[in-house]
Amino acid sequence: QVRPVESGGGLVQPGGSLRLSCTASGSTFSSNLMSWYRQAPGKERELVASITSGGTTNYADSVKGRFTISRDNAKNTVYLQMNSLKPEDTAVYYCKRLMSGSGSYWGQGTQVTVSS
């Protein structure tokens, strides 16, 4: 399906790690800009990280050095490795797919909760 599907969220203690996955169908996946966003309760949705078709990455200052975005085009999947998690990382994480000429498609989101 065109709309991406996220997985991998859950409950983790501060300092722990999680890896989120986002999978989308179609032969154009390798050419799509893929991004991770998050939205905490009462806050606006914010960009966490993005990766271009060529592998260029971009991160929010709040996650630099802790999160890593990567993609496996053979599996039509983009990942978000999250290390040294903090309570303020608690949010619903969304994957966004930007398809040239077709627009953007959002996943349904996956909950990440960082708490002891």
PDB file of N, CA and C in Angstrom:
ATOM      1  N   GLN A   1       0.825  -1.175   0.000  1.00  0.00           N
ATOM      2  CA  GLN A   1       0.000   0.000   0.000  1.00  0.00           C
ATOM      3  C   GLN A   1       0.869   1.239   0.000  1.00  0.00           C
ATOM      4  N   VAL A   2       0.311   2.318  -0.537  1.00  0.00           N
ATOM      5  CA  VAL A   2       1.061   3.557  -0.635  1.00  0.00           C
ATOM      6  C   VAL A   2       1.328   4.135   0.744  1.00  0.00           C
ATOM      7  N   ARG A   3       0.312   4.060   1.614  1.00  0.00           N
ATOM      8  CA  ARG A   3       0.467   4.613   2.954  1.00  0.00           C
ATOM      9  C   ARG A   3       1.440   3.780   3.759  1.00  0.00           C
ATOM     10  N   PRO A   4       2.429   4.419   4.403  1.00  0.00           N
ATOM     11  CA  PRO A   4       3.414   3.650   5.173  1.00  0.00           C
ATOM     12  C   PRO A   4       2.805   3.071   6.443  1.00  0.00           C
ATOM     13  N   VAL A   5       3.425   2.028   6.931  1.00  0.00           N
ATOM     14  CA  VAL A   5       2.993   1.352   8.145  1.00  0.00           C
ATOM     15  C   VAL A   5       4.158   1.295   9.118  1.00  0.00           C
ATOM     16  N   GLU A   6       3.951   1.873  10.318  1.00  0.00           N
ATOM     17  CA  GLU A   6       4.993   1.885  11.335  1.00  0.00           C
ATOM     18  C   GLU A   6       4.853   0.701  12.288  1.00  0.00           C
ATOM     19  N   SER A   7       5.959   0.342  12.896  1.00  0.00           N
ATOM     20  CA  SER A   7       5.969  -0.673  13.945  1.00  0.00           C
ATOM     21  C   SER A   7       7.189  -0.441  14.824  1.00  0.00           C
ATOM     22  N   GLY A   8       7.175  -1.093  16.007  1.00  0.00           N
ATOM     23  CA  GLY A   8       8.345  -1.054  16.868  1.00  0.00           C
ATOM     24  C   GLY A   8       8.235  -0.187  18.096  1.00  0.00           C
ATOM     25  N   GLY A   9       7.117   0.510  18.262  1.00  0.00           N
ATOM     26  CA  GLY A   9       6.964   1.341  19.452  1.00  0.00           C
ATOM     27  C   GLY A   9       6.760   0.497  20.698  1.00  0.00           C
ATOM     28  N   GLY A  10       6.769   1.174  21.843  1.00  0.00           N
ATOM     29  CA  GLY A  10       6.547   0.459  23.097  1.00  0.00           C
ATOM     30  C   GLY A  10       6.983   1.277  24.284  1.00  0.00           C
ATOM     31  N   LEU A  11       7.072   0.599  25.418  1.00  0.00           N
ATOM     32  CA  LEU A  11       7.478   1.217  26.674  1.00  0.00           C
ATOM     33  C   LEU A  11       8.937   0.875  26.946  1.00  0.00           C
ATOM     34  N   VAL A  12       9.732   1.874  27.263  1.00  0.00           N
ATOM     35  CA  VAL A  12      11.148   1.658  27.529  1.00  0.00           C
ATOM     36  C   VAL A  12      11.574   2.575  28.673  1.00  0.00           C
ATOM     37  N   GLN A  13      12.555   2.133  29.436  1.00  0.00           N
ATOM     38  CA  GLN A  13      13.057   2.935  30.542  1.00  0.00           C
ATOM     39  C   GLN A  13      13.989   4.031  30.031  1.00  0.00           C
ATOM     40  N   PRO A  14      14.115   5.116  30.773  1.00  0.00           N
ATOM     41  CA  PRO A  14      15.082   6.162  30.382  1.00  0.00           C
ATOM     42  C   PRO A  14      16.474   5.557  30.203  1.00  0.00           C
ATOM     43  N   GLY A  15      17.146   6.004  29.138  1.00  0.00           N
ATOM     44  CA  GLY A  15      18.450   5.465  28.809  1.00  0.00           C
ATOM     45  C   GLY A  15      18.409   4.258  27.890  1.00  0.00           C
ATOM     46  N   GLY A  16      17.227   3.722  27.674  1.00  0.00           N
ATOM     47  CA  GLY A  16      17.068   2.549  26.833  1.00  0.00           C
ATOM     48  C   GLY A  16      17.018   2.871  25.348  1.00  0.00           C
ATOM     49  N   SER A  17      16.777   1.823  24.560  1.00  0.00           N
ATOM     50  CA  SER A  17      16.767   1.956  23.103  1.00  0.00           C
ATOM     51  C   SER A  17      15.535   1.296  22.504  1.00  0.00           C
ATOM     52  N   LEU A  18      15.140   1.799  21.360  1.00  0.00           N
ATOM     53  CA  LEU A  18      14.084   1.207  20.551  1.00  0.00           C
ATOM     54  C   LEU A  18      14.434   1.419  19.090  1.00  0.00           C
ATOM     55  N   ARG A  19      13.958   0.519  18.237  1.00  0.00           N
ATOM     56  CA  ARG A  19      14.096   0.726  16.807  1.00  0.00           C
ATOM     57  C   ARG A  19      12.706   0.690  16.169  1.00  0.00           C
ATOM     58  N   LEU A  20      12.360   1.782  15.524  1.00  0.00           N
ATOM     59  CA  LEU A  20      11.107   1.858  14.795  1.00  0.00           C
ATOM     60  C   LEU A  20      11.345   1.484  13.330  1.00  0.00           C
ATOM     61  N   SER A  21      10.330   0.856  12.750  1.00  0.00           N
ATOM     62  CA  SER A  21      10.382   0.505  11.331  1.00  0.00           C
ATOM     63  C   SER A  21       9.188   1.105  10.614  1.00  0.00           C
ATOM     64  N   CYS A  22       9.391   1.428   9.352  1.00  0.00           N
ATOM     65  CA  CYS A  22       8.318   1.981   8.522  1.00  0.00           C
ATOM     66  C   CYS A  22       8.434   1.336   7.154  1.00  0.00           C
ATOM     67  N   THR A  23       7.371   0.666   6.745  1.00  0.00           N
ATOM     68  CA  THR A  23       7.382  -0.060   5.481  1.00  0.00           C
ATOM     69  C   THR A  23       6.299   0.484   4.558  1.00  0.00           C
ATOM     70  N   ALA A  24       6.644   0.609   3.285  1.00  0.00           N
ATOM     71  CA  ALA A  24       5.671   1.082   2.294  1.00  0.00           C
ATOM     72  C   ALA A  24       5.873   0.314   1.006  1.00  0.00           C
ATOM     73  N   SER A  25       4.820   0.095   0.291  1.00  0.00           N
ATOM     74  CA  SER A  25       4.913  -0.701  -0.923  1.00  0.00           C
ATOM     75  C   SER A  25       5.212   0.178  -2.136  1.00  0.00           C
ATOM     76  N   GLY A  26       5.525  -0.470  -3.243  1.00  0.00           N
ATOM     77  CA  GLY A  26       5.705   0.245  -4.490  1.00  0.00           C
ATOM     78  C   GLY A  26       7.148   0.339  -4.936  1.00  0.00           C
ATOM     79  N   SER A  27       7.323   0.355  -6.245  1.00  0.00           N
ATOM     80  CA  SER A  27       8.663   0.379  -6.828  1.00  0.00           C
ATOM     81  C   SER A  27       9.332   1.737  -6.723  1.00  0.00           C
ATOM     82  N   THR A  28       8.572   2.755  -6.323  1.00  0.00           N
ATOM     83  CA  THR A  28       9.154   4.096  -6.249  1.00  0.00           C
ATOM     84  C   THR A  28       9.765   4.397  -4.888  1.00  0.00           C
ATOM     85  N   PHE A  29       9.702   3.433  -3.976  1.00  0.00           N
ATOM     86  CA  PHE A  29      10.142   3.690  -2.598  1.00  0.00           C
ATOM     87  C   PHE A  29      11.547   4.276  -2.559  1.00  0.00           C
ATOM     88  N   SER A  30      12.432   3.722  -3.357  1.00  0.00           N
ATOM     89  CA  SER A  30      13.835   4.144  -3.296  1.00  0.00           C
ATOM     90  C   SER A  30      14.022   5.613  -3.664  1.00  0.00           C
ATOM     91  N   SER A  31      13.074   6.190  -4.368  1.00  0.00           N
ATOM     92  CA  SER A  31      13.192   7.586  -4.786  1.00  0.00           C
ATOM     93  C   SER A  31      12.441   8.545  -3.866  1.00  0.00           C
ATOM     94  N   ASN A  32      11.786   7.990  -2.843  1.00  0.00           N
ATOM     95  CA  ASN A  32      10.975   8.831  -1.954  1.00  0.00           C
ATOM     96  C   ASN A  32      11.797   9.404  -0.808  1.00  0.00           C
ATOM     97  N   LEU A  33      11.484  10.660  -0.477  1.00  0.00           N
ATOM     98  CA  LEU A  33      11.983  11.232   0.771  1.00  0.00           C
ATOM     99  C   LEU A  33      11.165  10.633   1.908  1.00  0.00           C
ATOM    100  N   MET A  34      11.840  10.067   2.900  1.00  0.00           N
ATOM    101  CA  MET A  34      11.159   9.460   4.028  1.00  0.00           C
ATOM    102  C   MET A  34      11.529  10.207   5.309  1.00  0.00           C
ATOM    103  N   SER A  35      10.524  10.407   6.141  1.00  0.00           N
ATOM    104  CA  SER A  35      10.741  11.191   7.354  1.00  0.00           C
ATOM    105  C   SER A  35      10.036  10.557   8.544  1.00  0.00           C
ATOM    106  N   TRP A  36      10.568  10.834   9.714  1.00  0.00           N
ATOM    107  CA  TRP A  36       9.915  10.494  10.977  1.00  0.00           C
ATOM    108  C   TRP A  36       9.543  11.801  11.673  1.00  0.00           C
ATOM    109  N   TYR A  37       8.315  11.844  12.137  1.00  0.00           N
ATOM    110  CA  TYR A  37       7.811  12.942  12.933  1.00  0.00           C
ATOM    111  C   TYR A  37       7.318  12.380  14.263  1.00  0.00           C
ATOM    112  N   ARG A  38       7.109  13.270  15.214  1.00  0.00           N
ATOM    113  CA  ARG A  38       6.507  12.839  16.473  1.00  0.00           C
ATOM    114  C   ARG A  38       5.600  13.935  17.003  1.00  0.00           C
ATOM    115  N   GLN A  39       4.621  13.483  17.786  1.00  0.00           N
ATOM    116  CA  GLN A  39       3.682  14.414  18.401  1.00  0.00           C
ATOM    117  C   GLN A  39       3.415  13.983  19.832  1.00  0.00           C
ATOM    118  N   ALA A  40       3.795  14.845  20.753  1.00  0.00           N
ATOM    119  CA  ALA A  40       3.547  14.601  22.169  1.00  0.00           C
ATOM    120  C   ALA A  40       2.206  15.219  22.545  1.00  0.00           C
ATOM    121  N   PRO A  41       1.586  14.747  23.621  1.00  0.00           N
ATOM    122  CA  PRO A  41       0.292  15.302  24.035  1.00  0.00           C
ATOM    123  C   PRO A  41       0.368  16.812  24.247  1.00  0.00           C
ATOM    124  N   GLY A  42      -0.564  17.526  23.635  1.00  0.00           N
ATOM    125  CA  GLY A  42      -0.622  18.968  23.789  1.00  0.00           C
ATOM    126  C   GLY A  42       0.389  19.747  22.989  1.00  0.00           C
ATOM    127  N   LYS A  43       1.160  19.046  22.156  1.00  0.00           N
ATOM    128  CA  LYS A  43       2.193  19.719  21.365  1.00  0.00           C
ATOM    129  C   LYS A  43       1.947  19.494  19.879  1.00  0.00           C
ATOM    130  N   GLU A  44       2.574  20.332  19.073  1.00  0.00           N
ATOM    131  CA  GLU A  44       2.451  20.182  17.630  1.00  0.00           C
ATOM    132  C   GLU A  44       3.358  19.053  17.139  1.00  0.00           C
ATOM    133  N   ARG A  45       2.999  18.504  16.004  1.00  0.00           N
ATOM    134  CA  ARG A  45       3.831  17.492  15.386  1.00  0.00           C
ATOM    135  C   ARG A  45       5.137  18.130  14.933  1.00  0.00           C
ATOM    136  N   GLU A  46       6.249  17.436  15.194  1.00  0.00           N
ATOM    137  CA  GLU A  46       7.555  17.977  14.832  1.00  0.00           C
ATOM    138  C   GLU A  46       8.377  16.956  14.067  1.00  0.00           C
ATOM    139  N   LEU A  47       9.238  17.479  13.190  1.00  0.00           N
ATOM    140  CA  LEU A  47      10.143  16.627  12.438  1.00  0.00           C
ATOM    141  C   LEU A  47      11.234  16.095  13.357  1.00  0.00           C
ATOM    142  N   VAL A  48      11.457  14.794  13.297  1.00  0.00           N
ATOM    143  CA  VAL A  48      12.517  14.161  14.066  1.00  0.00           C
ATOM    144  C   VAL A  48      13.738  13.921  13.188  1.00  0.00           C
ATOM    145  N   ALA A  49      13.523  13.299  12.033  1.00  0.00           N
ATOM    146  CA  ALA A  49      14.625  12.971  11.135  1.00  0.00           C
ATOM    147  C   ALA A  49      14.077  12.689   9.752  1.00  0.00           C
ATOM    148  N   SER A  50      14.931  12.892   8.748  1.00  0.00           N
ATOM    149  CA  SER A  50      14.541  12.573   7.381  1.00  0.00           C
ATOM    150  C   SER A  50      15.733  12.004   6.629  1.00  0.00           C
ATOM    151  N   ILE A  51      15.438  11.282   5.550  1.00  0.00           N
ATOM    152  CA  ILE A  51      16.482  10.696   4.724  1.00  0.00           C
ATOM    153  C   ILE A  51      16.053  10.771   3.268  1.00  0.00           C
ATOM    154  N   THR A  52      16.949  11.273   2.425  1.00  0.00           N
ATOM    155  CA  THR A  52      16.642  11.408   1.012  1.00  0.00           C
ATOM    156  C   THR A  52      16.888  10.094   0.277  1.00  0.00           C
ATOM    157  N   SER A  53      16.543  10.084  -0.993  1.00  0.00           N
ATOM    158  CA  SER A  53      16.779   8.900  -1.808  1.00  0.00           C
ATOM    159  C   SER A  53      18.273   8.584  -1.902  1.00  0.00           C
ATOM    160  N   GLY A  54      19.089   9.604  -1.808  1.00  0.00           N
ATOM    161  CA  GLY A  54      20.531   9.407  -1.884  1.00  0.00           C
ATOM    162  C   GLY A  54      21.185   9.115  -0.555  1.00  0.00           C
ATOM    163  N   GLY A  55      20.374   9.092   0.511  1.00  0.00           N
ATOM    164  CA  GLY A  55      20.906   8.744   1.821  1.00  0.00           C
ATOM    165  C   GLY A  55      21.323   9.920   2.687  1.00  0.00           C
ATOM    166  N   THR A  56      21.076  11.125   2.227  1.00  0.00           N
ATOM    167  CA  THR A  56      21.381  12.298   3.045  1.00  0.00           C
ATOM    168  C   THR A  56      20.384  12.397   4.190  1.00  0.00           C
ATOM    169  N   THR A  57      20.913  12.595   5.388  1.00  0.00           N
ATOM    170  CA  THR A  57      20.054  12.622   6.570  1.00  0.00           C
ATOM    171  C   THR A  57      20.003  14.005   7.206  1.00  0.00           C
ATOM    172  N   ASN A  58      18.918  14.213   7.952  1.00  0.00           N
ATOM    173  CA  ASN A  58      18.717  15.470   8.655  1.00  0.00           C
ATOM    174  C   ASN A  58      18.039  15.138   9.979  1.00  0.00           C
ATOM    175  N   TYR A  59      18.469  15.831  11.056  1.00  0.00           N
ATOM    176  CA  TYR A  59      17.929  15.532  12.390  1.00  0.00           C
ATOM    177  C   TYR A  59      17.520  16.800  13.120  1.00  0.00           C
ATOM    178  N   ALA A  60      16.522  16.656  13.954  1.00  0.00           N
ATOM    179  CA  ALA A  60      16.192  17.725  14.887  1.00  0.00           C
ATOM    180  C   ALA A  60      17.321  17.830  15.902  1.00  0.00           C
ATOM    181  N   ASP A  61      17.584  19.043  16.362  1.00  0.00           N
ATOM    182  CA  ASP A  61      18.669  19.239  17.321  1.00  0.00           C
ATOM    183  C   ASP A  61      18.480  18.392  18.577  1.00  0.00           C
ATOM    184  N   SER A  62      17.240  18.190  18.965  1.00  0.00           N
ATOM    185  CA  SER A  62      16.945  17.480  20.205  1.00  0.00           C
ATOM    186  C   SER A  62      17.310  15.999  20.155  1.00  0.00           C
ATOM    187  N   VAL A  63      17.515  15.453  18.965  1.00  0.00           N
ATOM    188  CA  VAL A  63      17.817  14.018  18.858  1.00  0.00           C
ATOM    189  C   VAL A  63      19.183  13.733  18.246  1.00  0.00           C
ATOM    190  N   LYS A  64      19.894  14.771  17.827  1.00  0.00           N
ATOM    191  CA  LYS A  64      21.212  14.568  17.213  1.00  0.00           C
ATOM    192  C   LYS A  64      22.136  13.833  18.174  1.00  0.00           C
ATOM    193  N   GLY A  65      22.820  12.827  17.653  1.00  0.00           N
ATOM    194  CA  GLY A  65      23.740  12.054  18.461  1.00  0.00           C
ATOM    195  C   GLY A  65      23.088  10.896  19.192  1.00  0.00           C
ATOM    196  N   ARG A  66      21.747  10.867  19.206  1.00  0.00           N
ATOM    197  CA  ARG A  66      21.038   9.790  19.895  1.00  0.00           C
ATOM    198  C   ARG A  66      20.214   8.932  18.931  1.00  0.00           C
ATOM    199  N   PHE A  67      19.647   9.558  17.910  1.00  0.00           N
ATOM    200  CA  PHE A  67      18.799   8.845  16.949  1.00  0.00           C
ATOM    201  C   PHE A  67      19.527   8.717  15.615  1.00  0.00           C
ATOM    202  N   THR A  68      19.253   7.619  14.924  1.00  0.00           N
ATOM    203  CA  THR A  68      19.813   7.406  13.593  1.00  0.00           C
ATOM    204  C   THR A  68      18.724   6.917  12.652  1.00  0.00           C
ATOM    205  N   ILE A  69      18.568   7.619  11.532  1.00  0.00           N
ATOM    206  CA  ILE A  69      17.619   7.193  10.508  1.00  0.00           C
ATOM    207  C   ILE A  69      18.394   6.489   9.395  1.00  0.00           C
ATOM    208  N   SER A  70      17.810   5.418   8.887  1.00  0.00           N
ATOM    209  CA  SER A  70      18.435   4.680   7.798  1.00  0.00           C
ATOM    210  C   SER A  70      17.347   4.062   6.940  1.00  0.00           C
ATOM    211  N   ARG A  71      17.736   3.587   5.773  1.00  0.00           N
ATOM    212  CA  ARG A  71      16.754   2.958   4.889  1.00  0.00           C
ATOM    213  C   ARG A  71      17.357   1.739   4.218  1.00  0.00           C
ATOM    214  N   ASP A  72      16.480   0.772   3.939  1.00  0.00           N
ATOM    215  CA  ASP A  72      16.833  -0.430   3.193  1.00  0.00           C
ATOM    216  C   ASP A  72      15.863  -0.502   2.024  1.00  0.00           C
ATOM    217  N   ASN A  73      16.297  -0.033   0.879  1.00  0.00           N
ATOM    218  CA  ASN A  73      15.393   0.039  -0.268  1.00  0.00           C
ATOM    219  C   ASN A  73      14.991  -1.346  -0.777  1.00  0.00           C
ATOM    220  N   ALA A  74      15.825  -2.337  -0.550  1.00  0.00           N
ATOM    221  CA  ALA A  74      15.475  -3.695  -0.969  1.00  0.00           C
ATOM    222  C   ALA A  74      14.280  -4.221  -0.179  1.00  0.00           C
ATOM    223  N   LYS A  75      14.101  -3.684   1.031  1.00  0.00           N
ATOM    224  CA  LYS A  75      12.980  -4.099   1.886  1.00  0.00           C
ATOM    225  C   LYS A  75      11.884  -3.039   1.950  1.00  0.00           C
ATOM    226  N   ASN A  76      12.037  -1.960   1.190  1.00  0.00           N
ATOM    227  CA  ASN A  76      11.060  -0.851   1.227  1.00  0.00           C
ATOM    228  C   ASN A  76      10.800  -0.391   2.654  1.00  0.00           C
ATOM    229  N   THR A  77      11.874  -0.263   3.418  1.00  0.00           N
ATOM    230  CA  THR A  77      11.740   0.033   4.840  1.00  0.00           C
ATOM    231  C   THR A  77      12.715   1.133   5.264  1.00  0.00           C
ATOM    232  N   VAL A  78      12.230   2.007   6.123  1.00  0.00           N
ATOM    233  CA  VAL A  78      13.078   3.007   6.758  1.00  0.00           C
ATOM    234  C   VAL A  78      13.027   2.758   8.265  1.00  0.00           C
ATOM    235  N   TYR A  79      14.152   2.987   8.917  1.00  0.00           N
ATOM    236  CA  TYR A  79      14.285   2.709  10.339  1.00  0.00           C
ATOM    237  C   TYR A  79      14.616   3.981  11.110  1.00  0.00           C
ATOM    238  N   LEU A  80      14.257   3.964  12.377  1.00  0.00           N
ATOM    239  CA  LEU A  80      14.693   5.008  13.295  1.00  0.00           C
ATOM    240  C   LEU A  80      15.228   4.310  14.538  1.00  0.00           C
ATOM    241  N   GLN A  81      16.550   4.289  14.657  1.00  0.00           N
ATOM    242  CA  GLN A  81      17.188   3.730  15.844  1.00  0.00           C
ATOM    243  C   GLN A  81      17.280   4.821  16.888  1.00  0.00           C
ATOM    244  N   MET A  82      16.680   4.578  18.041  1.00  0.00           N
ATOM    245  CA  MET A  82      16.618   5.574  19.107  1.00  0.00           C
ATOM    246  C   MET A  82      17.373   5.057  20.321  1.00  0.00           C
ATOM    247  N   ASN A  83      18.446   5.731  20.673  1.00  0.00           N
ATOM    248  CA  ASN A  83      19.263   5.361  21.829  1.00  0.00           C
ATOM    249  C   ASN A  83      19.210   6.458  22.882  1.00  0.00           C
ATOM    250  N   SER A  84      19.625   6.122  24.080  1.00  0.00           N
ATOM    251  CA  SER A  84      19.663   7.089  25.190  1.00  0.00           C
ATOM    252  C   SER A  84      18.339   7.841  25.309  1.00  0.00           C
ATOM    253  N   LEU A  85      17.260   7.087  25.294  1.00  0.00           N
ATOM    254  CA  LEU A  85      15.939   7.708  25.298  1.00  0.00           C
ATOM    255  C   LEU A  85      15.672   8.442  26.609  1.00  0.00           C
ATOM    256  N   LYS A  86      14.926   9.542  26.457  1.00  0.00           N
ATOM    257  CA  LYS A  86      14.573  10.401  27.588  1.00  0.00           C
ATOM    258  C   LYS A  86      13.052  10.471  27.712  1.00  0.00           C
ATOM    259  N   PRO A  87      12.552  10.797  28.892  1.00  0.00           N
ATOM    260  CA  PRO A  87      11.104  10.927  29.043  1.00  0.00           C
ATOM    261  C   PRO A  87      10.491  11.913  28.042  1.00  0.00           C
ATOM    262  N   GLU A  88      11.228  12.936  27.687  1.00  0.00           N
ATOM    263  CA  GLU A  88      10.712  13.918  26.731  1.00  0.00           C
ATOM    264  C   GLU A  88      10.632  13.397  25.298  1.00  0.00           C
ATOM    265  N   ASP A  89      11.141  12.203  25.065  1.00  0.00           N
ATOM    266  CA  ASP A  89      10.983  11.563  23.753  1.00  0.00           C
ATOM    267  C   ASP A  89       9.630  10.863  23.633  1.00  0.00           C
ATOM    268  N   THR A  90       8.896  10.803  24.721  1.00  0.00           N
ATOM    269  CA  THR A  90       7.576  10.170  24.708  1.00  0.00           C
ATOM    270  C   THR A  90       6.648  10.895  23.742  1.00  0.00           C
ATOM    271  N   ALA A  91       6.086  10.147  22.801  1.00  0.00           N
ATOM    272  CA  ALA A  91       5.228  10.734  21.772  1.00  0.00           C
ATOM    273  C   ALA A  91       4.704   9.619  20.876  1.00  0.00           C
ATOM    274  N   VAL A  92       3.771   9.990  20.017  1.00  0.00           N
ATOM    275  CA  VAL A  92       3.396   9.113  18.911  1.00  0.00           C
ATOM    276  C   VAL A  92       4.320   9.462  17.750  1.00  0.00           C
ATOM    277  N   TYR A  93       4.961   8.452  17.223  1.00  0.00           N
ATOM    278  CA  TYR A  93       5.901   8.641  16.124  1.00  0.00           C
ATOM    279  C   TYR A  93       5.238   8.255  14.803  1.00  0.00           C
ATOM    280  N   TYR A  94       5.348   9.157  13.837  1.00  0.00           N
ATOM    281  CA  TYR A  94       4.721   8.964  12.533  1.00  0.00           C
ATOM    282  C   TYR A  94       5.776   8.917  11.431  1.00  0.00           C
ATOM    283  N   CYS A  95       5.521   8.083  10.460  1.00  0.00           N
ATOM    284  CA  CYS A  95       6.359   8.004   9.276  1.00  0.00           C
ATOM    285  C   CYS A  95       5.637   8.749   8.141  1.00  0.00           C
ATOM    286  N   LYS A  96       6.394   9.517   7.394  1.00  0.00           N
ATOM    287  CA  LYS A  96       5.828  10.222   6.253  1.00  0.00           C
ATOM    288  C   LYS A  96       6.589   9.885   4.993  1.00  0.00           C
ATOM    289  N   ARG A  97       5.827   9.596   3.960  1.00  0.00           N
ATOM    290  CA  ARG A  97       6.390   9.263   2.655  1.00  0.00           C
ATOM    291  C   ARG A  97       6.054  10.379   1.689  1.00  0.00           C
ATOM    292  N   LEU A  98       7.071  10.934   1.046  1.00  0.00           N
ATOM    293  CA  LEU A  98       6.862  11.974   0.047  1.00  0.00           C
ATOM    294  C   LEU A  98       7.135  11.385  -1.326  1.00  0.00           C
ATOM    295  N   MET A  99       6.060  11.288  -2.115  1.00  0.00           N
ATOM    296  CA  MET A  99       6.161  10.714  -3.451  1.00  0.00           C
ATOM    297  C   MET A  99       6.069  11.834  -4.476  1.00  0.00           C
ATOM    298  N   SER A 100       7.094  11.976  -5.267  1.00  0.00           N
ATOM    299  CA  SER A 100       7.128  13.039  -6.269  1.00  0.00           C
ATOM    300  C   SER A 100       5.942  12.909  -7.215  1.00  0.00           C
ATOM    301  N   GLY A 101       5.177  13.992  -7.327  1.00  0.00           N
ATOM    302  CA  GLY A 101       4.027  13.994  -8.211  1.00  0.00           C
ATOM    303  C   GLY A 101       2.750  13.448  -7.606  1.00  0.00           C
ATOM    304  N   SER A 102       2.857  12.826  -6.413  1.00  0.00           N
ATOM    305  CA  SER A 102       1.676  12.229  -5.779  1.00  0.00           C
ATOM    306  C   SER A 102       1.356  12.829  -4.426  1.00  0.00           C
ATOM    307  N   GLY A 103       2.339  13.476  -3.818  1.00  0.00           N
ATOM    308  CA  GLY A 103       2.093  14.075  -2.521  1.00  0.00           C
ATOM    309  C   GLY A 103       2.623  13.253  -1.366  1.00  0.00           C
ATOM    310  N   SER A 104       2.168  13.617  -0.154  1.00  0.00           N
ATOM    311  CA  SER A 104       2.652  12.984   1.071  1.00  0.00           C
ATOM    312  C   SER A 104       1.637  12.011   1.629  1.00  0.00           C
ATOM    313  N   TYR A 105       2.166  10.961   2.234  1.00  0.00           N
ATOM    314  CA  TYR A 105       1.324   9.955   2.869  1.00  0.00           C
ATOM    315  C   TYR A 105       1.862   9.682   4.263  1.00  0.00           C
ATOM    316  N   TRP A 106       0.950   9.667   5.228  1.00  0.00           N
ATOM    317  CA  TRP A 106       1.316   9.451   6.621  1.00  0.00           C
ATOM    318  C   TRP A 106       0.900   8.061   7.073  1.00  0.00           C
ATOM    319  N   GLY A 107       1.704   7.502   7.963  1.00  0.00           N
ATOM    320  CA  GLY A 107       1.325   6.269   8.621  1.00  0.00           C
ATOM    321  C   GLY A 107       0.381   6.554   9.763  1.00  0.00           C
ATOM    322  N   GLN A 108      -0.053   5.496  10.434  1.00  0.00           N
ATOM    323  CA  GLN A 108      -1.032   5.637  11.516  1.00  0.00           C
ATOM    324  C   GLN A 108      -0.387   6.008  12.835  1.00  0.00           C
ATOM    325  N   GLY A 109       0.921   5.887  12.914  1.00  0.00           N
ATOM    326  CA  GLY A 109       1.651   6.247  14.125  1.00  0.00           C
ATOM    327  C   GLY A 109       1.885   5.064  15.041  1.00  0.00           C
ATOM    328  N   THR A 110       2.953   5.174  15.822  1.00  0.00           N
ATOM    329  CA  THR A 110       3.261   4.156  16.826  1.00  0.00           C
ATOM    330  C   THR A 110       3.693   4.865  18.109  1.00  0.00           C
ATOM    331  N   GLN A 111       3.165   4.397  19.233  1.00  0.00           N
ATOM    332  CA  GLN A 111       3.402   5.060  20.512  1.00  0.00           C
ATOM    333  C   GLN A 111       4.755   4.660  21.086  1.00  0.00           C
ATOM    334  N   VAL A 112       5.518   5.650  21.501  1.00  0.00           N
ATOM    335  CA  VAL A 112       6.765   5.434  22.237  1.00  0.00           C
ATOM    336  C   VAL A 112       6.620   6.107  23.594  1.00  0.00           C
ATOM    337  N   THR A 113       6.793   5.328  24.641  1.00  0.00           N
ATOM    338  CA  THR A 113       6.695   5.852  25.998  1.00  0.00           C
ATOM    339  C   THR A 113       7.994   5.562  26.737  1.00  0.00           C
ATOM    340  N   VAL A 114       8.612   6.619  27.250  1.00  0.00           N
ATOM    341  CA  VAL A 114       9.866   6.483  27.992  1.00  0.00           C
ATOM    342  C   VAL A 114       9.570   6.822  29.445  1.00  0.00           C
ATOM    343  N   SER A 115       9.616   5.795  30.275  1.00  0.00           N
ATOM    344  CA  SER A 115       9.236   5.988  31.663  1.00  0.00           C
ATOM    345  C   SER A 115       9.825   4.886  32.524  1.00  0.00           C
ATOM    346  N   SER A 116      10.132   5.231  33.770  1.00  0.00           N
ATOM    347  CA  SER A 116      10.611   4.216  34.699  1.00  0.00           C
ATOM    348  C   SER A 116       9.456   3.654  35.514  1.00  0.00           C
TER     349      SER A 116
END
